[in-house]
């Protein structure tokens, strides 16, 4: 796996409009290379008997059944509204 150079870190920082001190650029270069070394260890793991998956766990729909049931009445919903008009919440205008 290729190492990340300090110039690459500075280039990405410039693209992100971040000002890095010399010490920060060196530290981030070192930290990113440590991360890459750690990730490279995954190449050493034998995965020949592992079935490919798209998720670590079985994915299933966890939504509840869509059931029609009574809800809050309009009057109940507007009971604590600071201002209302014609059965609707009244709010200050945003656009003129």
PDB file of N, CA and C in Angstrom:
ATOM      1  N   UNK A   1       0.853  -1.181   0.000  1.00  0.00           N
ATOM      2  CA  UNK A   1       0.000   0.000   0.000  1.00  0.00           C
ATOM      3  C   UNK A   1       0.895   1.239   0.000  1.00  0.00           C
ATOM      4  N   UNK A   2       0.519   2.231  -0.786  1.00  0.00           N
ATOM      5  CA  UNK A   2       1.308   3.449  -0.883  1.00  0.00           C
ATOM      6  C   UNK A   2       1.202   4.271   0.388  1.00  0.00           C
ATOM      7  N   UNK A   3       2.277   4.996   0.660  1.00  0.00           N
ATOM      8  CA  UNK A   3       2.254   5.909   1.795  1.00  0.00           C
ATOM      9  C   UNK A   3       1.732   7.265   1.337  1.00  0.00           C
ATOM     10  N   UNK A   4       1.167   7.992   2.268  1.00  0.00           N
ATOM     11  CA  UNK A   4       0.687   9.336   1.991  1.00  0.00           C
ATOM     12  C   UNK A   4       1.823  10.304   2.306  1.00  0.00           C
ATOM     13  N   UNK A   5       2.083  11.198   1.374  1.00  0.00           N
ATOM     14  CA  UNK A   5       3.166  12.160   1.587  1.00  0.00           C
ATOM     15  C   UNK A   5       2.632  13.406   2.283  1.00  0.00           C
ATOM     16  N   UNK A   6       3.559  14.148   2.855  1.00  0.00           N
ATOM     17  CA  UNK A   6       3.187  15.396   3.513  1.00  0.00           C
ATOM     18  C   UNK A   6       2.610  16.372   2.483  1.00  0.00           C
ATOM     19  N   UNK A   7       3.133  16.332   1.258  1.00  0.00           N
ATOM     20  CA  UNK A   7       2.630  17.212   0.209  1.00  0.00           C
ATOM     21  C   UNK A   7       1.170  16.884  -0.125  1.00  0.00           C
ATOM     22  N   UNK A   8       0.810  15.599  -0.096  1.00  0.00           N
ATOM     23  CA  UNK A   8      -0.579  15.210  -0.355  1.00  0.00           C
ATOM     24  C   UNK A   8      -1.495  15.703   0.757  1.00  0.00           C
ATOM     25  N   UNK A   9      -1.039  15.603   1.988  1.00  0.00           N
ATOM     26  CA  UNK A   9      -1.828  16.108   3.123  1.00  0.00           C
ATOM     27  C   UNK A   9      -2.034  17.611   2.975  1.00  0.00           C
ATOM     28  N   UNK A  10      -0.968  18.329   2.633  1.00  0.00           N
ATOM     29  CA  UNK A  10      -1.081  19.782   2.466  1.00  0.00           C
ATOM     30  C   UNK A  10      -1.988  20.131   1.287  1.00  0.00           C
ATOM     31  N   UNK A  11      -1.928  19.340   0.219  1.00  0.00           N
ATOM     32  CA  UNK A  11      -2.783  19.581  -0.947  1.00  0.00           C
ATOM     33  C   UNK A  11      -4.256  19.407  -0.592  1.00  0.00           C
ATOM     34  N   UNK A  12      -4.578  18.324   0.119  1.00  0.00           N
ATOM     35  CA  UNK A  12      -5.972  18.081   0.518  1.00  0.00           C
ATOM     36  C   UNK A  12      -6.432  19.167   1.487  1.00  0.00           C
ATOM     37  N   UNK A  13      -5.558  19.580   2.396  1.00  0.00           N
ATOM     38  CA  UNK A  13      -5.907  20.653   3.329  1.00  0.00           C
ATOM     39  C   UNK A  13      -6.206  21.941   2.570  1.00  0.00           C
ATOM     40  N   UNK A  14      -5.412  22.217   1.537  1.00  0.00           N
ATOM     41  CA  UNK A  14      -5.649  23.424   0.733  1.00  0.00           C
ATOM     42  C   UNK A  14      -6.989  23.335   0.014  1.00  0.00           C
ATOM     43  N   UNK A  15      -7.317  22.145  -0.540  1.00  0.00           N
ATOM     44  CA  UNK A  15      -8.611  21.974  -1.201  1.00  0.00           C
ATOM     45  C   UNK A  15      -9.769  22.181  -0.232  1.00  0.00           C
ATOM     46  N   UNK A  16      -9.560  21.757   1.014  1.00  0.00           N
ATOM     47  CA  UNK A  16     -10.598  21.897   2.039  1.00  0.00           C
ATOM     48  C   UNK A  16     -10.548  23.272   2.703  1.00  0.00           C
ATOM     49  N   UNK A  17      -9.626  24.107   2.225  1.00  0.00           N
ATOM     50  CA  UNK A  17      -9.437  25.459   2.772  1.00  0.00           C
ATOM     51  C   UNK A  17      -9.123  25.429   4.256  1.00  0.00           C
ATOM     52  N   UNK A  18      -8.250  24.503   4.619  1.00  0.00           N
ATOM     53  CA  UNK A  18      -7.781  24.390   5.986  1.00  0.00           C
ATOM     54  C   UNK A  18      -6.344  24.864   6.058  1.00  0.00           C
ATOM     55  N   UNK A  19      -6.014  25.644   7.051  1.00  0.00           N
ATOM     56  CA  UNK A  19      -4.634  26.068   7.250  1.00  0.00           C
ATOM     57  C   UNK A  19      -4.010  25.134   8.282  1.00  0.00           C
ATOM     58  N   UNK A  20      -2.982  24.419   7.862  1.00  0.00           N
ATOM     59  CA  UNK A  20      -2.279  23.516   8.769  1.00  0.00           C
ATOM     60  C   UNK A  20      -0.911  24.085   9.093  1.00  0.00           C
ATOM     61  N   UNK A  21      -0.549  23.994  10.351  1.00  0.00           N
ATOM     62  CA  UNK A  21       0.815  24.343  10.719  1.00  0.00           C
ATOM     63  C   UNK A  21       1.735  23.220  10.260  1.00  0.00           C
ATOM     64  N   UNK A  22       3.015  23.480  10.284  1.00  0.00           N
ATOM     65  CA  UNK A  22       3.997  22.470   9.885  1.00  0.00           C
ATOM     66  C   UNK A  22       3.859  21.224  10.767  1.00  0.00           C
ATOM     67  N   UNK A  23       3.668  21.427  12.062  1.00  0.00           N
ATOM     68  CA  UNK A  23       3.529  20.307  12.997  1.00  0.00           C
ATOM     69  C   UNK A  23       2.258  19.504  12.714  1.00  0.00           C
ATOM     70  N   UNK A  24       1.152  20.204  12.403  1.00  0.00           N
ATOM     71  CA  UNK A  24      -0.106  19.513  12.099  1.00  0.00           C
ATOM     72  C   UNK A  24       0.024  18.683  10.831  1.00  0.00           C
ATOM     73  N   UNK A  25       0.652  19.236   9.802  1.00  0.00           N
ATOM     74  CA  UNK A  25       0.829  18.501   8.544  1.00  0.00           C
ATOM     75  C   UNK A  25       1.642  17.235   8.777  1.00  0.00           C
ATOM     76  N   UNK A  26       2.686  17.337   9.576  1.00  0.00           N
ATOM     77  CA  UNK A  26       3.512  16.164   9.877  1.00  0.00           C
ATOM     78  C   UNK A  26       2.726  15.137  10.692  1.00  0.00           C
ATOM     79  N   UNK A  27       1.987  15.627  11.685  1.00  0.00           N
ATOM     80  CA  UNK A  27       1.209  14.713  12.521  1.00  0.00           C
ATOM     81  C   UNK A  27       0.136  13.999  11.706  1.00  0.00           C
ATOM     82  N   UNK A  28      -0.605  14.740  10.850  1.00  0.00           N
ATOM     83  CA  UNK A  28      -1.649  14.120  10.042  1.00  0.00           C
ATOM     84  C   UNK A  28      -1.060  13.130   9.043  1.00  0.00           C
ATOM     85  N   UNK A  29       0.106  13.443   8.499  1.00  0.00           N
ATOM     86  CA  UNK A  29       0.773  12.504   7.585  1.00  0.00           C
ATOM     87  C   UNK A  29       1.087  11.212   8.321  1.00  0.00           C
ATOM     88  N   UNK A  30       1.643  11.339   9.503  1.00  0.00           N
ATOM     89  CA  UNK A  30       1.982  10.170  10.327  1.00  0.00           C
ATOM     90  C   UNK A  30       0.711   9.392  10.696  1.00  0.00           C
ATOM     91  N   UNK A  31      -0.332  10.095  11.147  1.00  0.00           N
ATOM     92  CA  UNK A  31      -1.578   9.435  11.561  1.00  0.00           C
ATOM     93  C   UNK A  31      -2.250   8.708  10.398  1.00  0.00           C
ATOM     94  N   UNK A  32      -2.308   9.354   9.235  1.00  0.00           N
ATOM     95  CA  UNK A  32      -2.949   8.721   8.077  1.00  0.00           C
ATOM     96  C   UNK A  32      -2.172   7.497   7.615  1.00  0.00           C
ATOM     97  N   UNK A  33      -0.861   7.559   7.671  1.00  0.00           N
ATOM     98  CA  UNK A  33      -0.058   6.396   7.299  1.00  0.00           C
ATOM     99  C   UNK A  33      -0.229   5.260   8.308  1.00  0.00           C
ATOM    100  N   UNK A  34      -0.397   5.597   9.579  1.00  0.00           N
ATOM    101  CA  UNK A  34      -0.680   4.555  10.579  1.00  0.00           C
ATOM    102  C   UNK A  34      -2.016   3.884  10.298  1.00  0.00           C
ATOM    103  N   UNK A  35      -3.006   4.667   9.901  1.00  0.00           N
ATOM    104  CA  UNK A  35      -4.327   4.115   9.569  1.00  0.00           C
ATOM    105  C   UNK A  35      -4.209   3.181   8.369  1.00  0.00           C
ATOM    106  N   UNK A  36      -3.456   3.595   7.346  1.00  0.00           N
ATOM    107  CA  UNK A  36      -3.279   2.752   6.161  1.00  0.00           C
ATOM    108  C   UNK A  36      -2.555   1.452   6.503  1.00  0.00           C
ATOM    109  N   UNK A  37      -1.563   1.527   7.395  1.00  0.00           N
ATOM    110  CA  UNK A  37      -0.859   0.307   7.815  1.00  0.00           C
ATOM    111  C   UNK A  37      -1.816  -0.644   8.522  1.00  0.00           C
ATOM    112  N   UNK A  38      -2.655  -0.095   9.380  1.00  0.00           N
ATOM    113  CA  UNK A  38      -3.623  -0.918  10.102  1.00  0.00           C
ATOM    114  C   UNK A  38      -4.607  -1.563   9.126  1.00  0.00           C
ATOM    115  N   UNK A  39      -5.100  -0.784   8.154  1.00  0.00           N
ATOM    116  CA  UNK A  39      -6.044  -1.315   7.175  1.00  0.00           C
ATOM    117  C   UNK A  39      -5.381  -2.376   6.301  1.00  0.00           C
ATOM    118  N   UNK A  40      -4.088  -2.253   6.052  1.00  0.00           N
ATOM    119  CA  UNK A  40      -3.372  -3.226   5.226  1.00  0.00           C
ATOM    120  C   UNK A  40      -3.331  -4.597   5.891  1.00  0.00           C
ATOM    121  N   UNK A  41      -3.482  -4.639   7.204  1.00  0.00           N
ATOM    122  CA  UNK A  41      -3.501  -5.922   7.915  1.00  0.00           C
ATOM    123  C   UNK A  41      -4.682  -6.770   7.464  1.00  0.00           C
ATOM    124  N   UNK A  42      -5.743  -6.151   6.983  1.00  0.00           N
ATOM    125  CA  UNK A  42      -6.905  -6.904   6.518  1.00  0.00           C
ATOM    126  C   UNK A  42      -6.566  -7.770   5.308  1.00  0.00           C
ATOM    127  N   UNK A  43      -5.553  -7.378   4.537  1.00  0.00           N
ATOM    128  CA  UNK A  43      -5.142  -8.174   3.380  1.00  0.00           C
ATOM    129  C   UNK A  43      -4.567  -9.523   3.807  1.00  0.00           C
ATOM    130  N   UNK A  44      -4.110  -9.634   5.045  1.00  0.00           N
ATOM    131  CA  UNK A  44      -3.496 -10.858   5.539  1.00  0.00           C
ATOM    132  C   UNK A  44      -4.528 -11.858   6.060  1.00  0.00           C
ATOM    133  N   UNK A  45      -5.773 -11.426   6.218  1.00  0.00           N
ATOM    134  CA  UNK A  45      -6.820 -12.282   6.764  1.00  0.00           C
ATOM    135  C   UNK A  45      -7.336 -13.214   5.670  1.00  0.00           C
ATOM    136  N   UNK A  46      -7.442 -14.503   5.997  1.00  0.00           N
ATOM    137  CA  UNK A  46      -7.958 -15.483   5.043  1.00  0.00           C
ATOM    138  C   UNK A  46      -9.484 -15.384   5.006  1.00  0.00           C
ATOM    139  N   UNK A  47     -10.002 -14.929   3.894  1.00  0.00           N
ATOM    140  CA  UNK A  47     -11.455 -14.781   3.748  1.00  0.00           C
ATOM    141  C   UNK A  47     -12.001 -15.721   2.676  1.00  0.00           C
ATOM    142  N   UNK A  48     -11.256 -16.757   2.356  1.00  0.00           N
ATOM    143  CA  UNK A  48     -11.676 -17.655   1.270  1.00  0.00           C
ATOM    144  C   UNK A  48     -12.975 -18.396   1.591  1.00  0.00           C
ATOM    145  N   UNK A  49     -13.283 -18.634   2.864  1.00  0.00           N
ATOM    146  CA  UNK A  49     -14.514 -19.339   3.237  1.00  0.00           C
ATOM    147  C   UNK A  49     -15.599 -18.412   3.777  1.00  0.00           C
ATOM    148  N   UNK A  50     -15.440 -17.132   3.522  1.00  0.00           N
ATOM    149  CA  UNK A  50     -16.415 -16.159   4.021  1.00  0.00           C
ATOM    150  C   UNK A  50     -17.341 -15.769   2.877  1.00  0.00           C
ATOM    151  N   UNK A  51     -18.639 -15.935   3.121  1.00  0.00           N
ATOM    152  CA  UNK A  51     -19.640 -15.592   2.111  1.00  0.00           C
ATOM    153  C   UNK A  51     -19.743 -14.071   1.990  1.00  0.00           C
ATOM    154  N   UNK A  52     -19.704 -13.543   0.768  1.00  0.00           N
ATOM    155  CA  UNK A  52     -19.825 -12.080   0.589  1.00  0.00           C
ATOM    156  C   UNK A  52     -21.175 -11.580   1.096  1.00  0.00           C
ATOM    157  N   UNK A  53     -21.162 -10.422   1.729  1.00  0.00           N
ATOM    158  CA  UNK A  53     -22.396  -9.802   2.224  1.00  0.00           C
ATOM    159  C   UNK A  53     -22.358  -8.313   1.940  1.00  0.00           C
ATOM    160  N   UNK A  54     -23.505  -7.699   1.984  1.00  0.00           N
ATOM    161  CA  UNK A  54     -23.556  -6.247   1.839  1.00  0.00           C
ATOM    162  C   UNK A  54     -23.727  -5.568   3.197  1.00  0.00           C
ATOM    163  N   UNK A  55     -24.100  -6.350   4.216  1.00  0.00           N
ATOM    164  CA  UNK A  55     -24.273  -5.820   5.562  1.00  0.00           C
ATOM    165  C   UNK A  55     -23.720  -6.839   6.561  1.00  0.00           C
ATOM    166  N   UNK A  56     -23.293  -6.341   7.702  1.00  0.00           N
ATOM    167  CA  UNK A  56     -22.769  -7.230   8.736  1.00  0.00           C
ATOM    168  C   UNK A  56     -23.873  -8.081   9.357  1.00  0.00           C
ATOM    169  N   UNK A  57     -25.089  -7.568   9.374  1.00  0.00           N
ATOM    170  CA  UNK A  57     -26.223  -8.283   9.950  1.00  0.00           C
ATOM    171  C   UNK A  57     -27.309  -8.424   8.899  1.00  0.00           C
ATOM    172  N   UNK A  58     -28.212  -9.374   9.110  1.00  0.00           N
ATOM    173  CA  UNK A  58     -29.353  -9.495   8.206  1.00  0.00           C
ATOM    174  C   UNK A  58     -30.160  -8.202   8.247  1.00  0.00           C
ATOM    175  N   UNK A  59     -30.502  -7.723   7.077  1.00  0.00           N
ATOM    176  CA  UNK A  59     -31.283  -6.490   6.996  1.00  0.00           C
ATOM    177  C   UNK A  59     -32.725  -6.870   6.729  1.00  0.00           C
ATOM    178  N   UNK A  60     -33.599  -6.333   7.552  1.00  0.00           N
ATOM    179  CA  UNK A  60     -35.013  -6.590   7.339  1.00  0.00           C
ATOM    180  C   UNK A  60     -35.777  -5.326   7.679  1.00  0.00           C
ATOM    181  N   UNK A  61     -36.975  -5.234   7.158  1.00  0.00           N
ATOM    182  CA  UNK A  61     -37.793  -4.065   7.390  1.00  0.00           C
ATOM    183  C   UNK A  61     -38.268  -4.063   8.845  1.00  0.00           C
ATOM    184  N   UNK A  62     -37.956  -3.015   9.560  1.00  0.00           N
ATOM    185  CA  UNK A  62     -38.341  -2.935  10.967  1.00  0.00           C
ATOM    186  C   UNK A  62     -39.515  -1.976  11.167  1.00  0.00           C
ATOM    187  N   UNK A  63     -40.130  -1.577  10.061  1.00  0.00           N
ATOM    188  CA  UNK A  63     -41.254  -0.659  10.166  1.00  0.00           C
ATOM    189  C   UNK A  63     -42.483  -1.412  10.670  1.00  0.00           C
ATOM    190  N   UNK A  64     -43.297  -0.724  11.422  1.00  0.00           N
ATOM    191  CA  UNK A  64     -44.519  -1.342  11.910  1.00  0.00           C
ATOM    192  C   UNK A  64     -45.538  -1.443  10.783  1.00  0.00           C
ATOM    193  N   UNK A  65     -46.510  -2.260  10.982  1.00  0.00           N
ATOM    194  CA  UNK A  65     -47.599  -2.409  10.021  1.00  0.00           C
ATOM    195  C   UNK A  65     -48.311  -1.062   9.900  1.00  0.00           C
ATOM    196  N   UNK A  66     -48.635  -0.657   8.699  1.00  0.00           N
ATOM    197  CA  UNK A  66     -49.329   0.594   8.470  1.00  0.00           C
ATOM    198  C   UNK A  66     -50.816   0.378   8.728  1.00  0.00           C
ATOM    199  N   UNK A  67     -51.277   0.850   9.880  1.00  0.00           N
ATOM    200  CA  UNK A  67     -52.650   0.622  10.300  1.00  0.00           C
ATOM    201  C   UNK A  67     -53.357   1.967  10.446  1.00  0.00           C
ATOM    202  N   UNK A  68     -54.539   2.053   9.899  1.00  0.00           N
ATOM    203  CA  UNK A  68     -55.339   3.253  10.028  1.00  0.00           C
ATOM    204  C   UNK A  68     -55.922   3.287  11.438  1.00  0.00           C
ATOM    205  N   UNK A  69     -55.646   4.356  12.170  1.00  0.00           N
ATOM    206  CA  UNK A  69     -56.179   4.485  13.524  1.00  0.00           C
ATOM    207  C   UNK A  69     -56.460   5.950  13.825  1.00  0.00           C
ATOM    208  N   UNK A  70     -57.262   6.230  14.834  1.00  0.00           N
ATOM    209  CA  UNK A  70     -57.628   7.618  15.145  1.00  0.00           C
ATOM    210  C   UNK A  70     -56.390   8.433  15.529  1.00  0.00           C
ATOM    211  N   UNK A  71     -56.424   9.698  15.154  1.00  0.00           N
ATOM    212  CA  UNK A  71     -55.325  10.586  15.520  1.00  0.00           C
ATOM    213  C   UNK A  71     -55.878  11.793  16.258  1.00  0.00           C
ATOM    214  N   UNK A  72     -55.040  12.735  16.532  1.00  0.00           N
ATOM    215  CA  UNK A  72     -55.421  13.934  17.283  1.00  0.00           C
ATOM    216  C   UNK A  72     -56.363  14.776  16.425  1.00  0.00           C
ATOM    217  N   UNK A  73     -57.385  15.308  17.051  1.00  0.00           N
ATOM    218  CA  UNK A  73     -58.315  16.169  16.319  1.00  0.00           C
ATOM    219  C   UNK A  73     -57.646  17.510  16.033  1.00  0.00           C
ATOM    220  N   UNK A  74     -58.198  18.241  15.073  1.00  0.00           N
ATOM    221  CA  UNK A  74     -57.652  19.546  14.715  1.00  0.00           C
ATOM    222  C   UNK A  74     -57.697  20.486  15.922  1.00  0.00           C
ATOM    223  N   UNK A  75     -58.784  20.452  16.664  1.00  0.00           N
ATOM    224  CA  UNK A  75     -58.918  21.320  17.834  1.00  0.00           C
ATOM    225  C   UNK A  75     -57.863  20.976  18.888  1.00  0.00           C
ATOM    226  N   UNK A  76     -57.645  19.674  19.106  1.00  0.00           N
ATOM    227  CA  UNK A  76     -56.650  19.222  20.082  1.00  0.00           C
ATOM    228  C   UNK A  76     -55.235  19.648  19.655  1.00  0.00           C
ATOM    229  N   UNK A  77     -54.948  19.555  18.366  1.00  0.00           N
ATOM    230  CA  UNK A  77     -53.630  19.930  17.863  1.00  0.00           C
ATOM    231  C   UNK A  77     -53.382  21.423  18.013  1.00  0.00           C
ATOM    232  N   UNK A  78     -54.407  22.228  17.858  1.00  0.00           N
ATOM    233  CA  UNK A  78     -54.261  23.683  17.932  1.00  0.00           C
ATOM    234  C   UNK A  78     -54.469  24.241  19.336  1.00  0.00           C
ATOM    235  N   UNK A  79     -54.762  23.375  20.300  1.00  0.00           N
ATOM    236  CA  UNK A  79     -55.101  23.804  21.652  1.00  0.00           C
ATOM    237  C   UNK A  79     -54.025  24.718  22.257  1.00  0.00           C
ATOM    238  N   UNK A  80     -52.759  24.406  22.088  1.00  0.00           N
ATOM    239  CA  UNK A  80     -51.680  25.194  22.686  1.00  0.00           C
ATOM    240  C   UNK A  80     -50.971  26.098  21.688  1.00  0.00           C
ATOM    241  N   UNK A  81     -51.539  26.252  20.499  1.00  0.00           N
ATOM    242  CA  UNK A  81     -50.916  27.109  19.491  1.00  0.00           C
ATOM    243  C   UNK A  81     -50.966  28.553  19.947  1.00  0.00           C
ATOM    244  N   UNK A  82     -49.855  29.275  19.840  1.00  0.00           N
ATOM    245  CA  UNK A  82     -49.868  30.675  20.265  1.00  0.00           C
ATOM    246  C   UNK A  82     -50.775  31.542  19.397  1.00  0.00           C
ATOM    247  N   UNK A  83     -50.920  31.165  18.119  1.00  0.00           N
ATOM    248  CA  UNK A  83     -51.803  31.924  17.235  1.00  0.00           C
ATOM    249  C   UNK A  83     -52.341  30.971  16.172  1.00  0.00           C
ATOM    250  N   UNK A  84     -53.599  31.117  15.839  1.00  0.00           N
ATOM    251  CA  UNK A  84     -54.219  30.260  14.835  1.00  0.00           C
ATOM    252  C   UNK A  84     -55.252  31.064  14.061  1.00  0.00           C
ATOM    253  N   UNK A  85     -55.520  30.570  12.851  1.00  0.00           N
ATOM    254  CA  UNK A  85     -56.506  31.248  12.015  1.00  0.00           C
ATOM    255  C   UNK A  85     -57.128  30.217  11.090  1.00  0.00           C
ATOM    256  N   UNK A  86     -58.436  30.155  11.073  1.00  0.00           N
ATOM    257  CA  UNK A  86     -59.199  29.252  10.216  1.00  0.00           C
ATOM    258  C   UNK A  86     -58.735  27.802  10.355  1.00  0.00           C
ATOM    259  N   UNK A  87     -58.513  27.375  11.603  1.00  0.00           N
ATOM    260  CA  UNK A  87     -58.156  25.996  11.865  1.00  0.00           C
ATOM    261  C   UNK A  87     -56.723  25.628  11.501  1.00  0.00           C
ATOM    262  N   UNK A  88     -55.838  26.620  11.351  1.00  0.00           N
ATOM    263  CA  UNK A  88     -54.450  26.370  11.016  1.00  0.00           C
ATOM    264  C   UNK A  88     -53.535  27.170  11.930  1.00  0.00           C
ATOM    265  N   UNK A  89     -52.301  26.673  12.096  1.00  0.00           N
ATOM    266  CA  UNK A  89     -51.305  27.437  12.844  1.00  0.00           C
ATOM    267  C   UNK A  89     -51.009  28.722  12.085  1.00  0.00           C
ATOM    268  N   UNK A  90     -50.898  29.818  12.798  1.00  0.00           N
ATOM    269  CA  UNK A  90     -50.549  31.091  12.154  1.00  0.00           C
ATOM    270  C   UNK A  90     -49.139  31.449  12.627  1.00  0.00           C
ATOM    271  N   UNK A  91     -48.272  31.673  11.649  1.00  0.00           N
ATOM    272  CA  UNK A  91     -46.875  31.994  11.953  1.00  0.00           C
ATOM    273  C   UNK A  91     -46.504  33.274  11.234  1.00  0.00           C
ATOM    274  N   UNK A  92     -45.451  33.949  11.704  1.00  0.00           N
ATOM    275  CA  UNK A  92     -45.031  35.177  11.030  1.00  0.00           C
ATOM    276  C   UNK A  92     -44.584  34.867   9.594  1.00  0.00           C
ATOM    277  N   UNK A  93     -44.809  35.827   8.707  1.00  0.00           N
ATOM    278  CA  UNK A  93     -44.432  35.656   7.301  1.00  0.00           C
ATOM    279  C   UNK A  93     -42.916  35.579   7.195  1.00  0.00           C
ATOM    280  N   UNK A  94     -42.444  34.691   6.339  1.00  0.00           N
ATOM    281  CA  UNK A  94     -41.016  34.559   6.110  1.00  0.00           C
ATOM    282  C   UNK A  94     -40.627  35.361   4.877  1.00  0.00           C
ATOM    283  N   UNK A  95     -41.467  35.328   3.867  1.00  0.00           N
ATOM    284  CA  UNK A  95     -41.219  36.074   2.630  1.00  0.00           C
ATOM    285  C   UNK A  95     -42.171  37.256   2.576  1.00  0.00           C
ATOM    286  N   UNK A  96     -41.743  38.308   1.959  1.00  0.00           N
ATOM    287  CA  UNK A  96     -42.617  39.476   1.818  1.00  0.00           C
ATOM    288  C   UNK A  96     -43.283  39.495   0.484  1.00  0.00           C
TER     289      UNK A  96
END
